[in-house]
Amino acid sequence: MRQKYKEAGINTYVALWKGPSQEQVDALKGLGMKLVCHQNEFGLKQKDDATIIAWMHGDEPDNAQSKQGGGYGPPSFPKRSSRTIRRCTTPTRRVP
């Protein structure tokens, strides 16, 4: 599927289901595509890989959040959201 995106002229992938993973990053790198992704354990170890161009924040932290077992609870606390945003905007590598 990623090849079809490349052929359509898309050059950057935003978000990866259950990723990033080695397989996903390798596939995008092979196509010459860039990536905006979450800061999971694997992604943070790849912080010097030029394929990853930015970190993303979780989706809509100000909306009701899914509860374990179903249903929805209150939105995330602003303190938690600001901590996550700060983590995503703190430089993890030097840009030449």
PDB file of N, CA and C in Angstrom:
ATOM      1  N   MET A   1       0.807  -1.191   0.000  1.00  0.00           N
ATOM      2  CA  MET A   1       0.000   0.000   0.000  1.00  0.00           C
ATOM      3  C   MET A   1       0.857   1.264   0.000  1.00  0.00           C
ATOM      4  N   ARG A   2       1.965   1.248   0.726  1.00  0.00           N
ATOM      5  CA  ARG A   2       2.819   2.440   0.775  1.00  0.00           C
ATOM      6  C   ARG A   2       3.322   2.813  -0.612  1.00  0.00           C
ATOM      7  N   GLN A   3       3.581   1.823  -1.454  1.00  0.00           N
ATOM      8  CA  GLN A   3       4.041   2.075  -2.819  1.00  0.00           C
ATOM      9  C   GLN A   3       2.994   2.886  -3.585  1.00  0.00           C
ATOM     10  N   LYS A   4       1.726   2.587  -3.374  1.00  0.00           N
ATOM     11  CA  LYS A   4       0.649   3.329  -4.045  1.00  0.00           C
ATOM     12  C   LYS A   4       0.646   4.792  -3.606  1.00  0.00           C
ATOM     13  N   TYR A   5       0.899   5.037  -2.326  1.00  0.00           N
ATOM     14  CA  TYR A   5       0.987   6.418  -1.851  1.00  0.00           C
ATOM     15  C   TYR A   5       2.151   7.133  -2.529  1.00  0.00           C
ATOM     16  N   LYS A   6       3.284   6.479  -2.607  1.00  0.00           N
ATOM     17  CA  LYS A   6       4.469   7.063  -3.241  1.00  0.00           C
ATOM     18  C   LYS A   6       4.159   7.402  -4.698  1.00  0.00           C
ATOM     19  N   GLU A   7       3.515   6.475  -5.387  1.00  0.00           N
ATOM     20  CA  GLU A   7       3.170   6.690  -6.796  1.00  0.00           C
ATOM     21  C   GLU A   7       2.189   7.855  -6.959  1.00  0.00           C
ATOM     22  N   ALA A   8       1.376   8.106  -5.938  1.00  0.00           N
ATOM     23  CA  ALA A   8       0.416   9.211  -5.988  1.00  0.00           C
ATOM     24  C   ALA A   8       1.075  10.548  -5.660  1.00  0.00           C
ATOM     25  N   GLY A   9       2.363  10.527  -5.319  1.00  0.00           N
ATOM     26  CA  GLY A   9       3.080  11.767  -5.044  1.00  0.00           C
ATOM     27  C   GLY A   9       3.179  12.121  -3.571  1.00  0.00           C
ATOM     28  N   ILE A  10       2.716  11.237  -2.705  1.00  0.00           N
ATOM     29  CA  ILE A  10       2.812  11.498  -1.266  1.00  0.00           C
ATOM     30  C   ILE A  10       4.229  11.171  -0.821  1.00  0.00           C
ATOM     31  N   ASN A  11       4.844  12.087  -0.063  1.00  0.00           N
ATOM     32  CA  ASN A  11       6.240  11.866   0.332  1.00  0.00           C
ATOM     33  C   ASN A  11       6.441  11.750   1.843  1.00  0.00           C
ATOM     34  N   THR A  12       5.362  11.941   2.630  1.00  0.00           N
ATOM     35  CA  THR A  12       5.471  11.863   4.081  1.00  0.00           C
ATOM     36  C   THR A  12       4.299  11.077   4.657  1.00  0.00           C
ATOM     37  N   TYR A  13       4.604  10.154   5.521  1.00  0.00           N
ATOM     38  CA  TYR A  13       3.629   9.316   6.209  1.00  0.00           C
ATOM     39  C   TYR A  13       3.439   9.876   7.612  1.00  0.00           C
ATOM     40  N   VAL A  14       2.196  10.062   8.039  1.00  0.00           N
ATOM     41  CA  VAL A  14       1.915  10.572   9.380  1.00  0.00           C
ATOM     42  C   VAL A  14       1.169   9.494  10.151  1.00  0.00           C
ATOM     43  N   ALA A  15       1.801   9.015  11.225  1.00  0.00           N
ATOM     44  CA  ALA A  15       1.254   7.987  12.115  1.00  0.00           C
ATOM     45  C   ALA A  15       1.349   6.599  11.486  1.00  0.00           C
ATOM     46  N   LEU A  16       1.643   5.657  12.326  1.00  0.00           N
ATOM     47  CA  LEU A  16       1.729   4.257  11.907  1.00  0.00           C
ATOM     48  C   LEU A  16       0.989   3.412  12.927  1.00  0.00           C
ATOM     49  N   TRP A  17       0.146   2.513  12.470  1.00  0.00           N
ATOM     50  CA  TRP A  17      -0.595   1.650  13.375  1.00  0.00           C
ATOM     51  C   TRP A  17       0.376   0.777  14.148  1.00  0.00           C
ATOM     52  N   LYS A  18       0.341   0.880  15.458  1.00  0.00           N
ATOM     53  CA  LYS A  18       1.216   0.115  16.352  1.00  0.00           C
ATOM     54  C   LYS A  18       2.690   0.311  16.010  1.00  0.00           C
ATOM     55  N   GLY A  19       3.058   1.536  15.725  1.00  0.00           N
ATOM     56  CA  GLY A  19       4.434   1.788  15.344  1.00  0.00           C
ATOM     57  C   GLY A  19       4.933   3.114  15.862  1.00  0.00           C
ATOM     58  N   PRO A  20       6.125   3.463  15.489  1.00  0.00           N
ATOM     59  CA  PRO A  20       6.902   2.852  14.413  1.00  0.00           C
ATOM     60  C   PRO A  20       7.578   1.563  14.858  1.00  0.00           C
ATOM     61  N   SER A  21       7.801   0.731  13.845  1.00  0.00           N
ATOM     62  CA  SER A  21       8.542  -0.508  14.048  1.00  0.00           C
ATOM     63  C   SER A  21       9.665  -0.553  13.014  1.00  0.00           C
ATOM     64  N   GLN A  22      10.587  -1.471  13.203  1.00  0.00           N
ATOM     65  CA  GLN A  22      11.703  -1.612  12.262  1.00  0.00           C
ATOM     66  C   GLN A  22      11.186  -1.869  10.849  1.00  0.00           C
ATOM     67  N   GLU A  23      10.230  -2.772  10.733  1.00  0.00           N
ATOM     68  CA  GLU A  23       9.678  -3.118   9.415  1.00  0.00           C
ATOM     69  C   GLU A  23       9.045  -1.898   8.737  1.00  0.00           C
ATOM     70  N   GLN A  24       8.284  -1.121   9.496  1.00  0.00           N
ATOM     71  CA  GLN A  24       7.622   0.049   8.927  1.00  0.00           C
ATOM     72  C   GLN A  24       8.627   1.106   8.481  1.00  0.00           C
ATOM     73  N   VAL A  25       9.601   1.390   9.315  1.00  0.00           N
ATOM     74  CA  VAL A  25      10.604   2.409   8.977  1.00  0.00           C
ATOM     75  C   VAL A  25      11.424   1.951   7.774  1.00  0.00           C
ATOM     76  N   ASP A  26      11.816   0.680   7.743  1.00  0.00           N
ATOM     77  CA  ASP A  26      12.580   0.161   6.605  1.00  0.00           C
ATOM     78  C   ASP A  26      11.790   0.281   5.304  1.00  0.00           C
ATOM     79  N   ALA A  27      10.484  -0.021   5.357  1.00  0.00           N
ATOM     80  CA  ALA A  27       9.649   0.069   4.146  1.00  0.00           C
ATOM     81  C   ALA A  27       9.576   1.506   3.646  1.00  0.00           C
ATOM     82  N   LEU A  28       9.367   2.461   4.549  1.00  0.00           N
ATOM     83  CA  LEU A  28       9.295   3.867   4.150  1.00  0.00           C
ATOM     84  C   LEU A  28      10.638   4.369   3.647  1.00  0.00           C
ATOM     85  N   LYS A  29      11.691   3.971   4.315  1.00  0.00           N
ATOM     86  CA  LYS A  29      13.042   4.370   3.891  1.00  0.00           C
ATOM     87  C   LYS A  29      13.326   3.842   2.489  1.00  0.00           C
ATOM     88  N   GLY A  30      12.924   2.606   2.214  1.00  0.00           N
ATOM     89  CA  GLY A  30      13.128   2.010   0.897  1.00  0.00           C
ATOM     90  C   GLY A  30      12.414   2.761  -0.215  1.00  0.00           C
ATOM     91  N   LEU A  31      11.338   3.425   0.129  1.00  0.00           N
ATOM     92  CA  LEU A  31      10.583   4.217  -0.844  1.00  0.00           C
ATOM     93  C   LEU A  31      11.022   5.679  -0.873  1.00  0.00           C
ATOM     94  N   GLY A  32      11.935   6.041   0.026  1.00  0.00           N
ATOM     95  CA  GLY A  32      12.376   7.431   0.092  1.00  0.00           C
ATOM     96  C   GLY A  32      11.348   8.348   0.722  1.00  0.00           C
ATOM     97  N   MET A  33      10.445   7.787   1.523  1.00  0.00           N
ATOM     98  CA  MET A  33       9.411   8.581   2.180  1.00  0.00           C
ATOM     99  C   MET A  33       9.855   8.966   3.587  1.00  0.00           C
ATOM    100  N   LYS A  34       9.324  10.062   4.093  1.00  0.00           N
ATOM    101  CA  LYS A  34       9.604  10.546   5.444  1.00  0.00           C
ATOM    102  C   LYS A  34       8.461  10.136   6.370  1.00  0.00           C
ATOM    103  N   LEU A  35       8.681  10.332   7.678  1.00  0.00           N
ATOM    104  CA  LEU A  35       7.726   9.850   8.665  1.00  0.00           C
ATOM    105  C   LEU A  35       7.587  10.813   9.837  1.00  0.00           C
ATOM    106  N   VAL A  36       6.341  11.023  10.258  1.00  0.00           N
ATOM    107  CA  VAL A  36       6.006  11.710  11.499  1.00  0.00           C
ATOM    108  C   VAL A  36       5.347  10.638  12.364  1.00  0.00           C
ATOM    109  N   CYS A  37       5.905  10.374  13.559  1.00  0.00           N
ATOM    110  CA  CYS A  37       5.416   9.236  14.342  1.00  0.00           C
ATOM    111  C   CYS A  37       5.469   9.494  15.838  1.00  0.00           C
ATOM    112  N   HIS A  38       4.917   8.551  16.590  1.00  0.00           N
ATOM    113  CA  HIS A  38       4.927   8.613  18.049  1.00  0.00           C
ATOM    114  C   HIS A  38       6.312   8.293  18.589  1.00  0.00           C
ATOM    115  N   GLN A  39       6.554   8.729  19.798  1.00  0.00           N
ATOM    116  CA  GLN A  39       7.834   8.479  20.460  1.00  0.00           C
ATOM    117  C   GLN A  39       7.769   7.166  21.240  1.00  0.00           C
ATOM    118  N   ASN A  40       7.651   6.054  20.541  1.00  0.00           N
ATOM    119  CA  ASN A  40       7.688   4.787  21.259  1.00  0.00           C
ATOM    120  C   ASN A  40       9.147   4.382  21.485  1.00  0.00           C
ATOM    121  N   GLU A  41       9.356   3.268  22.143  1.00  0.00           N
ATOM    122  CA  GLU A  41      10.719   2.832  22.478  1.00  0.00           C
ATOM    123  C   GLU A  41      11.580   2.676  21.219  1.00  0.00           C
ATOM    124  N   PHE A  42      11.046   2.049  20.199  1.00  0.00           N
ATOM    125  CA  PHE A  42      11.803   1.871  18.957  1.00  0.00           C
ATOM    126  C   PHE A  42      12.097   3.222  18.303  1.00  0.00           C
ATOM    127  N   GLY A  43      11.088   4.070  18.175  1.00  0.00           N
ATOM    128  CA  GLY A  43      11.267   5.359  17.518  1.00  0.00           C
ATOM    129  C   GLY A  43      12.344   6.206  18.163  1.00  0.00           C
ATOM    130  N   LEU A  44      12.359   6.244  19.484  1.00  0.00           N
ATOM    131  CA  LEU A  44      13.366   7.044  20.173  1.00  0.00           C
ATOM    132  C   LEU A  44      14.778   6.527  19.933  1.00  0.00           C
ATOM    133  N   LYS A  45      14.927   5.242  19.681  1.00  0.00           N
ATOM    134  CA  LYS A  45      16.249   4.688  19.378  1.00  0.00           C
ATOM    135  C   LYS A  45      16.681   5.044  17.954  1.00  0.00           C
ATOM    136  N   GLN A  46      15.746   5.517  17.136  1.00  0.00           N
ATOM    137  CA  GLN A  46      16.029   5.886  15.739  1.00  0.00           C
ATOM    138  C   GLN A  46      16.105   7.391  15.571  1.00  0.00           C
ATOM    139  N   LYS A  47      16.292   8.128  16.657  1.00  0.00           N
ATOM    140  CA  LYS A  47      16.189   9.583  16.588  1.00  0.00           C
ATOM    141  C   LYS A  47      17.160  10.236  15.613  1.00  0.00           C
ATOM    142  N   ASP A  48      18.221   9.552  15.229  1.00  0.00           N
ATOM    143  CA  ASP A  48      19.159  10.116  14.258  1.00  0.00           C
ATOM    144  C   ASP A  48      18.890   9.645  12.831  1.00  0.00           C
ATOM    145  N   ASP A  49      17.831   8.860  12.641  1.00  0.00           N
ATOM    146  CA  ASP A  49      17.455   8.384  11.311  1.00  0.00           C
ATOM    147  C   ASP A  49      16.693   9.503  10.609  1.00  0.00           C
ATOM    148  N   ALA A  50      17.191   9.964   9.491  1.00  0.00           N
ATOM    149  CA  ALA A  50      16.581  11.084   8.763  1.00  0.00           C
ATOM    150  C   ALA A  50      15.197  10.746   8.207  1.00  0.00           C
ATOM    151  N   THR A  51      14.794   9.477   8.249  1.00  0.00           N
ATOM    152  CA  THR A  51      13.448   9.105   7.808  1.00  0.00           C
ATOM    153  C   THR A  51      12.405   9.720   8.727  1.00  0.00           C
ATOM    154  N   ILE A  52      12.692   9.767  10.038  1.00  0.00           N
ATOM    155  CA  ILE A  52      11.764  10.359  11.008  1.00  0.00           C
ATOM    156  C   ILE A  52      12.034  11.858  11.059  1.00  0.00           C
ATOM    157  N   ILE A  53      11.044  12.645  10.612  1.00  0.00           N
ATOM    158  CA  ILE A  53      11.243  14.097  10.542  1.00  0.00           C
ATOM    159  C   ILE A  53      10.550  14.855  11.666  1.00  0.00           C
ATOM    160  N   ALA A  54       9.642  14.198  12.397  1.00  0.00           N
ATOM    161  CA  ALA A  54       8.956  14.873  13.505  1.00  0.00           C
ATOM    162  C   ALA A  54       8.264  13.849  14.386  1.00  0.00           C
ATOM    163  N   TRP A  55       7.996  14.275  15.626  1.00  0.00           N
ATOM    164  CA  TRP A  55       7.249  13.444  16.581  1.00  0.00           C
ATOM    165  C   TRP A  55       5.813  13.932  16.613  1.00  0.00           C
ATOM    166  N   MET A  56       4.900  13.018  16.831  1.00  0.00           N
ATOM    167  CA  MET A  56       3.500  13.433  16.928  1.00  0.00           C
ATOM    168  C   MET A  56       2.957  13.220  18.332  1.00  0.00           C
ATOM    169  N   HIS A  57       1.993  14.030  18.663  1.00  0.00           N
ATOM    170  CA  HIS A  57       1.294  13.982  19.945  1.00  0.00           C
ATOM    171  C   HIS A  57       0.106  13.040  19.787  1.00  0.00           C
ATOM    172  N   GLY A  58      -0.343  12.455  20.874  1.00  0.00           N
ATOM    173  CA  GLY A  58      -1.538  11.613  20.820  1.00  0.00           C
ATOM    174  C   GLY A  58      -2.733  12.384  20.277  1.00  0.00           C
ATOM    175  N   ASP A  59      -3.672  11.688  19.728  1.00  0.00           N
ATOM    176  CA  ASP A  59      -4.816  12.291  19.067  1.00  0.00           C
ATOM    177  C   ASP A  59      -5.798  12.901  20.060  1.00  0.00           C
ATOM    178  N   GLU A  60      -6.082  14.159  19.897  1.00  0.00           N
ATOM    179  CA  GLU A  60      -7.128  14.884  20.598  1.00  0.00           C
ATOM    180  C   GLU A  60      -7.187  14.634  22.103  1.00  0.00           C
ATOM    181  N   PRO A  61      -6.154  15.023  22.834  1.00  0.00           N
ATOM    182  CA  PRO A  61      -6.146  14.774  24.282  1.00  0.00           C
ATOM    183  C   PRO A  61      -7.218  15.555  25.037  1.00  0.00           C
ATOM    184  N   ASP A  62      -7.771  16.576  24.378  1.00  0.00           N
ATOM    185  CA  ASP A  62      -8.792  17.374  25.044  1.00  0.00           C
ATOM    186  C   ASP A  62     -10.192  16.776  24.912  1.00  0.00           C
ATOM    187  N   ASN A  63     -10.335  15.695  24.165  1.00  0.00           N
ATOM    188  CA  ASN A  63     -11.623  15.020  24.026  1.00  0.00           C
ATOM    189  C   ASN A  63     -11.745  13.909  25.066  1.00  0.00           C
ATOM    190  N   ALA A  64     -12.937  13.405  25.240  1.00  0.00           N
ATOM    191  CA  ALA A  64     -13.156  12.280  26.156  1.00  0.00           C
ATOM    192  C   ALA A  64     -12.245  11.123  25.747  1.00  0.00           C
ATOM    193  N   GLN A  65     -11.673  10.466  26.712  1.00  0.00           N
ATOM    194  CA  GLN A  65     -10.721   9.384  26.457  1.00  0.00           C
ATOM    195  C   GLN A  65     -11.378   8.017  26.661  1.00  0.00           C
ATOM    196  N   SER A  66     -11.006   7.056  25.823  1.00  0.00           N
ATOM    197  CA  SER A  66     -11.546   5.699  25.939  1.00  0.00           C
ATOM    198  C   SER A  66     -11.199   5.118  27.298  1.00  0.00           C
ATOM    199  N   LYS A  67     -12.163   4.395  27.878  1.00  0.00           N
ATOM    200  CA  LYS A  67     -11.932   3.731  29.161  1.00  0.00           C
ATOM    201  C   LYS A  67     -11.665   2.253  28.917  1.00  0.00           C
ATOM    202  N   GLN A  68     -10.804   1.687  29.738  1.00  0.00           N
ATOM    203  CA  GLN A  68     -10.542   0.261  29.644  1.00  0.00           C
ATOM    204  C   GLN A  68     -11.858  -0.461  29.928  1.00  0.00           C
ATOM    205  N   GLY A  69     -12.236  -1.385  29.077  1.00  0.00           N
ATOM    206  CA  GLY A  69     -13.492  -2.094  29.243  1.00  0.00           C
ATOM    207  C   GLY A  69     -14.647  -1.463  28.486  1.00  0.00           C
ATOM    208  N   GLY A  70     -14.406  -0.317  27.835  1.00  0.00           N
ATOM    209  CA  GLY A  70     -15.436   0.316  27.012  1.00  0.00           C
ATOM    210  C   GLY A  70     -15.939   1.624  27.574  1.00  0.00           C
ATOM    211  N   GLY A  71     -16.546   2.376  26.733  1.00  0.00           N
ATOM    212  CA  GLY A  71     -17.077   3.669  27.128  1.00  0.00           C
ATOM    213  C   GLY A  71     -16.012   4.749  27.143  1.00  0.00           C
ATOM    214  N   TYR A  72     -16.401   5.918  27.615  1.00  0.00           N
ATOM    215  CA  TYR A  72     -15.499   7.067  27.615  1.00  0.00           C
ATOM    216  C   TYR A  72     -15.454   7.734  28.984  1.00  0.00           C
ATOM    217  N   GLY A  73     -14.312   8.286  29.287  1.00  0.00           N
ATOM    218  CA  GLY A  73     -14.121   9.033  30.518  1.00  0.00           C
ATOM    219  C   GLY A  73     -13.868  10.485  30.191  1.00  0.00           C
ATOM    220  N   PRO A  74     -13.377  11.249  31.160  1.00  0.00           N
ATOM    221  CA  PRO A  74     -13.113  12.670  30.941  1.00  0.00           C
ATOM    222  C   PRO A  74     -11.900  12.886  30.039  1.00  0.00           C
ATOM    223  N   PRO A  75     -11.721  14.120  29.561  1.00  0.00           N
ATOM    224  CA  PRO A  75     -10.524  14.419  28.765  1.00  0.00           C
ATOM    225  C   PRO A  75      -9.266  14.294  29.623  1.00  0.00           C
ATOM    226  N   SER A  76      -8.126  14.247  28.960  1.00  0.00           N
ATOM    227  CA  SER A  76      -6.849  14.213  29.669  1.00  0.00           C
ATOM    228  C   SER A  76      -6.676  15.513  30.438  1.00  0.00           C
ATOM    229  N   PHE A  77      -5.968  15.453  31.525  1.00  0.00           N
ATOM    230  CA  PHE A  77      -5.685  16.649  32.295  1.00  0.00           C
ATOM    231  C   PHE A  77      -4.701  17.529  31.526  1.00  0.00           C
ATOM    232  N   PRO A  78      -4.887  18.857  31.559  1.00  0.00           N
ATOM    233  CA  PRO A  78      -3.966  19.760  30.849  1.00  0.00           C
ATOM    234  C   PRO A  78      -2.503  19.529  31.230  1.00  0.00           C
ATOM    235  N   LYS A  79      -2.237  19.199  32.494  1.00  0.00           N
ATOM    236  CA  LYS A  79      -0.860  18.972  32.918  1.00  0.00           C
ATOM    237  C   LYS A  79      -0.238  17.812  32.137  1.00  0.00           C
ATOM    238  N   ARG A  80      -0.996  16.739  31.949  1.00  0.00           N
ATOM    239  CA  ARG A  80      -0.498  15.585  31.187  1.00  0.00           C
ATOM    240  C   ARG A  80      -0.273  15.972  29.727  1.00  0.00           C
ATOM    241  N   SER A  81      -1.217  16.686  29.128  1.00  0.00           N
ATOM    242  CA  SER A  81      -1.089  17.085  27.728  1.00  0.00           C
ATOM    243  C   SER A  81       0.104  17.999  27.520  1.00  0.00           C
ATOM    244  N   SER A  82       0.294  18.967  28.421  1.00  0.00           N
ATOM    245  CA  SER A  82       1.414  19.886  28.247  1.00  0.00           C
ATOM    246  C   SER A  82       2.744  19.163  28.414  1.00  0.00           C
ATOM    247  N   ARG A  83       2.796  18.166  29.286  1.00  0.00           N
ATOM    248  CA  ARG A  83       4.022  17.374  29.461  1.00  0.00           C
ATOM    249  C   ARG A  83       4.334  16.598  28.172  1.00  0.00           C
ATOM    250  N   THR A  84       3.303  16.019  27.575  1.00  0.00           N
ATOM    251  CA  THR A  84       3.491  15.259  26.332  1.00  0.00           C
ATOM    252  C   THR A  84       3.897  16.177  25.186  1.00  0.00           C
ATOM    253  N   ILE A  85       3.268  17.334  25.094  1.00  0.00           N
ATOM    254  CA  ILE A  85       3.620  18.291  24.038  1.00  0.00           C
ATOM    255  C   ILE A  85       5.061  18.757  24.215  1.00  0.00           C
ATOM    256  N   ARG A  86       5.454  19.027  25.449  1.00  0.00           N
ATOM    257  CA  ARG A  86       6.834  19.452  25.714  1.00  0.00           C
ATOM    258  C   ARG A  86       7.812  18.367  25.275  1.00  0.00           C
ATOM    259  N   ARG A  87       7.479  17.104  25.549  1.00  0.00           N
ATOM    260  CA  ARG A  87       8.348  15.999  25.158  1.00  0.00           C
ATOM    261  C   ARG A  87       8.463  15.923  23.629  1.00  0.00           C
ATOM    262  N   CYS A  88       7.356  16.172  22.937  1.00  0.00           N
ATOM    263  CA  CYS A  88       7.364  16.087  21.472  1.00  0.00           C
ATOM    264  C   CYS A  88       8.064  17.266  20.813  1.00  0.00           C
ATOM    265  N   THR A  89       8.147  18.378  21.516  1.00  0.00           N
ATOM    266  CA  THR A  89       8.766  19.553  20.906  1.00  0.00           C
ATOM    267  C   THR A  89      10.195  19.796  21.385  1.00  0.00           C
ATOM    268  N   THR A  90      10.673  18.975  22.301  1.00  0.00           N
ATOM    269  CA  THR A  90      12.057  19.084  22.742  1.00  0.00           C
ATOM    270  C   THR A  90      12.946  18.443  21.691  1.00  0.00           C
ATOM    271  N   PRO A  91      13.911  19.164  21.165  1.00  0.00           N
ATOM    272  CA  PRO A  91      14.771  18.591  20.124  1.00  0.00           C
ATOM    273  C   PRO A  91      15.449  17.298  20.595  1.00  0.00           C
ATOM    274  N   THR A  92      15.447  16.314  19.712  1.00  0.00           N
ATOM    275  CA  THR A  92      16.106  15.052  20.012  1.00  0.00           C
ATOM    276  C   THR A  92      17.365  14.857  19.171  1.00  0.00           C
ATOM    277  N   ARG A  93      17.582  15.760  18.230  1.00  0.00           N
ATOM    278  CA  ARG A  93      18.816  15.716  17.422  1.00  0.00           C
ATOM    279  C   ARG A  93      19.085  17.071  16.841  1.00  0.00           C
ATOM    280  N   ARG A  94      20.305  17.266  16.446  1.00  0.00           N
ATOM    281  CA  ARG A  94      20.687  18.540  15.826  1.00  0.00           C
ATOM    282  C   ARG A  94      20.362  18.498  14.339  1.00  0.00           C
ATOM    283  N   VAL A  95      19.828  19.568  13.841  1.00  0.00           N
ATOM    284  CA  VAL A  95      19.524  19.696  12.420  1.00  0.00           C
ATOM    285  C   VAL A  95      20.648  20.496  11.788  1.00  0.00           C
ATOM    286  N   PRO A  96      21.261  19.946  10.722  1.00  0.00           N
ATOM    287  CA  PRO A  96      22.387  20.667  10.096  1.00  0.00           C
ATOM    288  C   PRO A  96      21.959  21.982   9.481  1.00  0.00           C
TER     289      PRO A  96
END
